[in-house]
Amino acid sequence: EWEERQKTRQLEMEAVSQALAVLSGDDAHDLFTRTFNPSFLQIEGSDRREAAAKVLSTVADKVHNPRLATLAYQVKLDAFTRVKKAIDDMIAQLLK
């Protein structure tokens, strides 16, 4: 059993080494460079939106109001609207 586990571990280590070689190769680097879309990176958050969400969440906790808590989450998650639109636009382009 010990020898079988050793053999399995050796095969796993070889597979990981091969995967790393593929991912760190020039082809993978070129593909990443061509497909990288910096518009998906969040460089800075909306400070006003975060502050508003925090205030709403604090007040909702203080007065035990689930509607305010829901509103706080909506304010917080609304930042993803542009990302969702960009994804929808890309899907539309791919389907053309």
N, C-alpha and C. Protein backbone atom coordinates (compact mmCIF):
# COMPACT_ATOMS: atom_id res chain seq x y z
N GLU A 1 0.83 -1.19 0.00
CA GLU A 1 0.00 0.00 0.00
C GLU A 1 0.88 1.26 0.00
N TRP A 2 1.95 1.25 0.78
CA TRP A 2 2.84 2.42 0.86
C TRP A 2 3.48 2.69 -0.51
N GLU A 3 3.90 1.63 -1.18
CA GLU A 3 4.52 1.79 -2.49
C GLU A 3 3.51 2.34 -3.50
N GLU A 4 2.26 1.89 -3.39
CA GLU A 4 1.22 2.37 -4.29
C GLU A 4 0.96 3.87 -4.06
N ARG A 5 0.93 4.30 -2.82
CA ARG A 5 0.73 5.72 -2.51
C ARG A 5 1.92 6.54 -3.00
N GLN A 6 3.12 6.01 -2.86
CA GLN A 6 4.30 6.71 -3.34
C GLN A 6 4.26 6.88 -4.86
N LYS A 7 3.83 5.84 -5.54
CA LYS A 7 3.72 5.90 -6.99
C LYS A 7 2.67 6.93 -7.40
N THR A 8 1.54 6.94 -6.68
CA THR A 8 0.47 7.91 -6.97
C THR A 8 0.96 9.33 -6.76
N ARG A 9 1.67 9.55 -5.67
CA ARG A 9 2.21 10.90 -5.38
C ARG A 9 3.19 11.33 -6.46
N GLN A 10 4.02 10.40 -6.91
CA GLN A 10 4.99 10.71 -7.95
C GLN A 10 4.28 11.10 -9.24
N LEU A 11 3.23 10.37 -9.59
CA LEU A 11 2.45 10.70 -10.79
C LEU A 11 1.78 12.06 -10.64
N GLU A 12 1.28 12.36 -9.45
CA GLU A 12 0.66 13.67 -9.22
C GLU A 12 1.68 14.79 -9.38
N MET A 13 2.87 14.57 -8.84
CA MET A 13 3.91 15.60 -8.94
C MET A 13 4.32 15.80 -10.39
N GLU A 14 4.39 14.74 -11.16
CA GLU A 14 4.72 14.87 -12.58
C GLU A 14 3.63 15.63 -13.32
N ALA A 15 2.37 15.34 -12.99
CA ALA A 15 1.25 16.02 -13.65
C ALA A 15 1.26 17.51 -13.32
N VAL A 16 1.53 17.85 -12.07
CA VAL A 16 1.60 19.26 -11.67
C VAL A 16 2.76 19.95 -12.38
N SER A 17 3.88 19.29 -12.48
CA SER A 17 5.03 19.87 -13.19
C SER A 17 4.71 20.12 -14.65
N GLN A 18 4.02 19.17 -15.28
CA GLN A 18 3.65 19.36 -16.68
C GLN A 18 2.65 20.51 -16.84
N ALA A 19 1.70 20.60 -15.91
CA ALA A 19 0.71 21.69 -15.96
C ALA A 19 1.40 23.05 -15.79
N LEU A 20 2.34 23.13 -14.87
CA LEU A 20 3.09 24.37 -14.68
C LEU A 20 3.90 24.73 -15.92
N ALA A 21 4.46 23.72 -16.55
CA ALA A 21 5.24 23.98 -17.77
C ALA A 21 4.34 24.53 -18.87
N VAL A 22 3.13 23.99 -18.98
CA VAL A 22 2.20 24.48 -20.01
C VAL A 22 1.77 25.90 -19.68
N LEU A 23 1.41 26.15 -18.42
CA LEU A 23 0.92 27.48 -18.03
C LEU A 23 1.99 28.56 -18.07
N SER A 24 3.23 28.17 -17.87
CA SER A 24 4.29 29.17 -17.87
C SER A 24 5.01 29.26 -19.21
N GLY A 25 4.54 28.52 -20.19
CA GLY A 25 5.16 28.53 -21.52
C GLY A 25 4.83 29.79 -22.30
N ASP A 26 5.54 29.96 -23.39
CA ASP A 26 5.36 31.14 -24.24
C ASP A 26 3.97 31.19 -24.87
N ASP A 27 3.44 30.03 -25.26
CA ASP A 27 2.11 30.00 -25.87
C ASP A 27 1.05 30.49 -24.90
N ALA A 28 1.14 30.04 -23.65
CA ALA A 28 0.16 30.47 -22.64
C ALA A 28 0.30 31.97 -22.38
N HIS A 29 1.53 32.45 -22.34
CA HIS A 29 1.75 33.88 -22.12
C HIS A 29 1.18 34.71 -23.26
N ASP A 30 1.40 34.25 -24.49
CA ASP A 30 0.86 34.96 -25.65
C ASP A 30 -0.66 34.97 -25.64
N LEU A 31 -1.26 33.83 -25.30
CA LEU A 31 -2.72 33.73 -25.25
C LEU A 31 -3.27 34.67 -24.17
N PHE A 32 -2.64 34.68 -23.02
CA PHE A 32 -3.10 35.55 -21.94
C PHE A 32 -2.98 37.01 -22.36
N THR A 33 -1.89 37.36 -23.00
CA THR A 33 -1.69 38.74 -23.43
C THR A 33 -2.74 39.16 -24.44
N ARG A 34 -3.11 38.26 -25.35
CA ARG A 34 -4.12 38.59 -26.36
C ARG A 34 -5.53 38.67 -25.79
N THR A 35 -5.83 37.86 -24.78
CA THR A 35 -7.20 37.79 -24.29
C THR A 35 -7.42 38.59 -23.02
N PHE A 36 -6.39 39.18 -22.47
CA PHE A 36 -6.53 39.95 -21.23
C PHE A 36 -7.34 41.21 -21.49
N ASN A 37 -8.34 41.43 -20.67
CA ASN A 37 -9.21 42.59 -20.81
C ASN A 37 -9.14 43.42 -19.52
N PRO A 38 -8.40 44.51 -19.53
CA PRO A 38 -8.23 45.29 -18.30
C PRO A 38 -9.51 45.95 -17.82
N SER A 39 -10.56 45.96 -18.62
CA SER A 39 -11.80 46.58 -18.16
C SER A 39 -12.45 45.76 -17.05
N PHE A 40 -12.03 44.51 -16.88
CA PHE A 40 -12.58 43.70 -15.79
C PHE A 40 -11.90 43.98 -14.46
N LEU A 41 -10.80 44.69 -14.48
CA LEU A 41 -10.11 44.99 -13.23
C LEU A 41 -10.78 46.15 -12.52
N GLN A 42 -10.95 45.99 -11.23
CA GLN A 42 -11.50 47.09 -10.45
C GLN A 42 -10.32 47.86 -9.87
N ILE A 43 -10.04 49.00 -10.46
CA ILE A 43 -8.89 49.78 -10.03
C ILE A 43 -9.19 50.53 -8.75
N GLU A 44 -10.32 51.16 -8.70
CA GLU A 44 -10.72 51.83 -7.47
C GLU A 44 -12.22 51.73 -7.33
N GLY A 45 -12.67 51.57 -6.11
CA GLY A 45 -14.10 51.45 -5.87
C GLY A 45 -14.72 52.82 -5.71
N SER A 46 -16.01 52.85 -5.79
CA SER A 46 -16.73 54.09 -5.58
C SER A 46 -16.82 54.33 -4.08
N ASP A 47 -16.06 55.31 -3.61
CA ASP A 47 -16.03 55.58 -2.18
C ASP A 47 -17.40 56.02 -1.67
N ARG A 48 -18.09 56.81 -2.46
CA ARG A 48 -19.42 57.27 -2.02
C ARG A 48 -20.39 56.11 -1.93
N ARG A 49 -20.32 55.21 -2.89
CA ARG A 49 -21.22 54.05 -2.88
C ARG A 49 -20.92 53.16 -1.67
N GLU A 50 -19.65 52.93 -1.41
CA GLU A 50 -19.28 52.10 -0.27
C GLU A 50 -19.69 52.76 1.04
N ALA A 51 -19.49 54.07 1.13
CA ALA A 51 -19.88 54.79 2.35
C ALA A 51 -21.39 54.73 2.55
N ALA A 52 -22.13 54.92 1.48
CA ALA A 52 -23.60 54.86 1.58
C ALA A 52 -24.05 53.47 2.00
N ALA A 53 -23.47 52.45 1.42
CA ALA A 53 -23.83 51.08 1.78
C ALA A 53 -23.51 50.80 3.24
N LYS A 54 -22.38 51.32 3.70
CA LYS A 54 -21.99 51.10 5.09
C LYS A 54 -22.95 51.81 6.05
N VAL A 55 -23.30 53.04 5.72
CA VAL A 55 -24.24 53.79 6.57
C VAL A 55 -25.59 53.08 6.61
N LEU A 56 -26.09 52.68 5.45
CA LEU A 56 -27.37 51.98 5.41
C LEU A 56 -27.33 50.67 6.20
N SER A 57 -26.25 49.94 6.06
CA SER A 57 -26.11 48.68 6.78
C SER A 57 -26.05 48.90 8.29
N THR A 58 -25.31 49.93 8.70
CA THR A 58 -25.20 50.23 10.13
C THR A 58 -26.56 50.61 10.71
N VAL A 59 -27.28 51.48 10.01
CA VAL A 59 -28.60 51.90 10.48
C VAL A 59 -29.56 50.71 10.48
N ALA A 60 -29.49 49.87 9.45
CA ALA A 60 -30.37 48.70 9.38
C ALA A 60 -30.12 47.77 10.56
N ASP A 61 -28.87 47.58 10.92
CA ASP A 61 -28.56 46.74 12.08
C ASP A 61 -29.05 47.39 13.38
N LYS A 62 -28.90 48.69 13.46
CA LYS A 62 -29.26 49.41 14.68
C LYS A 62 -30.77 49.39 14.92
N VAL A 63 -31.55 49.60 13.86
CA VAL A 63 -33.00 49.66 14.02
C VAL A 63 -33.68 48.33 13.64
N HIS A 64 -32.89 47.35 13.30
CA HIS A 64 -33.40 46.01 12.94
C HIS A 64 -34.43 46.10 11.82
N ASN A 65 -34.03 46.77 10.73
CA ASN A 65 -34.92 46.97 9.60
C ASN A 65 -34.39 46.18 8.41
N PRO A 66 -35.06 45.08 8.06
CA PRO A 66 -34.57 44.25 6.94
C PRO A 66 -34.65 44.97 5.59
N ARG A 67 -35.56 45.91 5.43
CA ARG A 67 -35.65 46.64 4.17
C ARG A 67 -34.42 47.51 3.95
N LEU A 68 -33.96 48.15 5.02
CA LEU A 68 -32.74 48.95 4.90
C LEU A 68 -31.53 48.06 4.62
N ALA A 69 -31.51 46.88 5.24
CA ALA A 69 -30.41 45.94 4.99
C ALA A 69 -30.41 45.51 3.51
N THR A 70 -31.59 45.26 2.98
CA THR A 70 -31.70 44.89 1.56
C THR A 70 -31.24 46.03 0.67
N LEU A 71 -31.64 47.24 1.03
CA LEU A 71 -31.21 48.40 0.26
C LEU A 71 -29.69 48.56 0.31
N ALA A 72 -29.09 48.32 1.47
CA ALA A 72 -27.63 48.40 1.60
C ALA A 72 -26.94 47.42 0.67
N TYR A 73 -27.46 46.20 0.59
CA TYR A 73 -26.88 45.20 -0.31
C TYR A 73 -27.07 45.59 -1.76
N GLN A 74 -28.22 46.15 -2.09
CA GLN A 74 -28.46 46.57 -3.46
C GLN A 74 -27.50 47.68 -3.86
N VAL A 75 -27.27 48.62 -2.95
CA VAL A 75 -26.33 49.71 -3.24
C VAL A 75 -24.93 49.14 -3.43
N LYS A 76 -24.58 48.19 -2.61
CA LYS A 76 -23.24 47.59 -2.68
C LYS A 76 -23.05 46.79 -3.97
N LEU A 77 -24.07 46.03 -4.36
CA LEU A 77 -23.95 45.16 -5.53
C LEU A 77 -24.23 45.87 -6.84
N ASP A 78 -24.79 47.05 -6.80
CA ASP A 78 -25.11 47.78 -8.02
C ASP A 78 -23.85 48.14 -8.80
N ALA A 79 -22.72 48.10 -8.17
CA ALA A 79 -21.46 48.41 -8.85
C ALA A 79 -21.17 47.41 -9.96
N PHE A 80 -21.78 46.24 -9.91
CA PHE A 80 -21.54 45.22 -10.91
C PHE A 80 -22.40 45.39 -12.15
N THR A 81 -23.24 46.40 -12.17
CA THR A 81 -24.12 46.61 -13.32
C THR A 81 -23.32 46.81 -14.60
N ARG A 82 -22.27 47.61 -14.53
CA ARG A 82 -21.45 47.84 -15.73
C ARG A 82 -20.74 46.58 -16.17
N VAL A 83 -20.29 45.78 -15.21
CA VAL A 83 -19.60 44.53 -15.56
C VAL A 83 -20.58 43.58 -16.24
N LYS A 84 -21.79 43.47 -15.70
CA LYS A 84 -22.79 42.60 -16.31
C LYS A 84 -23.14 43.07 -17.72
N LYS A 85 -23.23 44.37 -17.91
CA LYS A 85 -23.53 44.90 -19.24
C LYS A 85 -22.38 44.58 -20.20
N ALA A 86 -21.14 44.74 -19.75
CA ALA A 86 -19.99 44.42 -20.61
C ALA A 86 -19.99 42.95 -20.99
N ILE A 87 -20.33 42.08 -20.06
CA ILE A 87 -20.38 40.65 -20.36
C ILE A 87 -21.49 40.37 -21.37
N ASP A 88 -22.66 40.98 -21.16
CA ASP A 88 -23.75 40.79 -22.11
C ASP A 88 -23.38 41.28 -23.50
N ASP A 89 -22.68 42.41 -23.57
CA ASP A 89 -22.24 42.94 -24.87
C ASP A 89 -21.26 41.99 -25.55
N MET A 90 -20.34 41.41 -24.77
CA MET A 90 -19.38 40.47 -25.34
C MET A 90 -20.08 39.22 -25.86
N ILE A 91 -21.08 38.75 -25.10
CA ILE A 91 -21.80 37.56 -25.54
C ILE A 91 -22.54 37.87 -26.84
N ALA A 92 -23.14 39.05 -26.92
CA ALA A 92 -23.83 39.44 -28.14
C ALA A 92 -22.87 39.49 -29.32
N GLN A 93 -21.66 40.01 -29.10
CA GLN A 93 -20.66 40.07 -30.17
C GLN A 93 -20.25 38.66 -30.62
N LEU A 94 -20.12 37.75 -29.65
CA LEU A 94 -19.72 36.39 -29.98
C LEU A 94 -20.80 35.66 -30.76
N LEU A 95 -22.05 35.98 -30.48
CA LEU A 95 -23.15 35.30 -31.14
C LEU A 95 -23.39 35.80 -32.56
N LYS A 96 -22.80 36.94 -32.93
CA LYS A 96 -22.97 37.48 -34.28
C LYS A 96 -22.24 36.66 -35.31
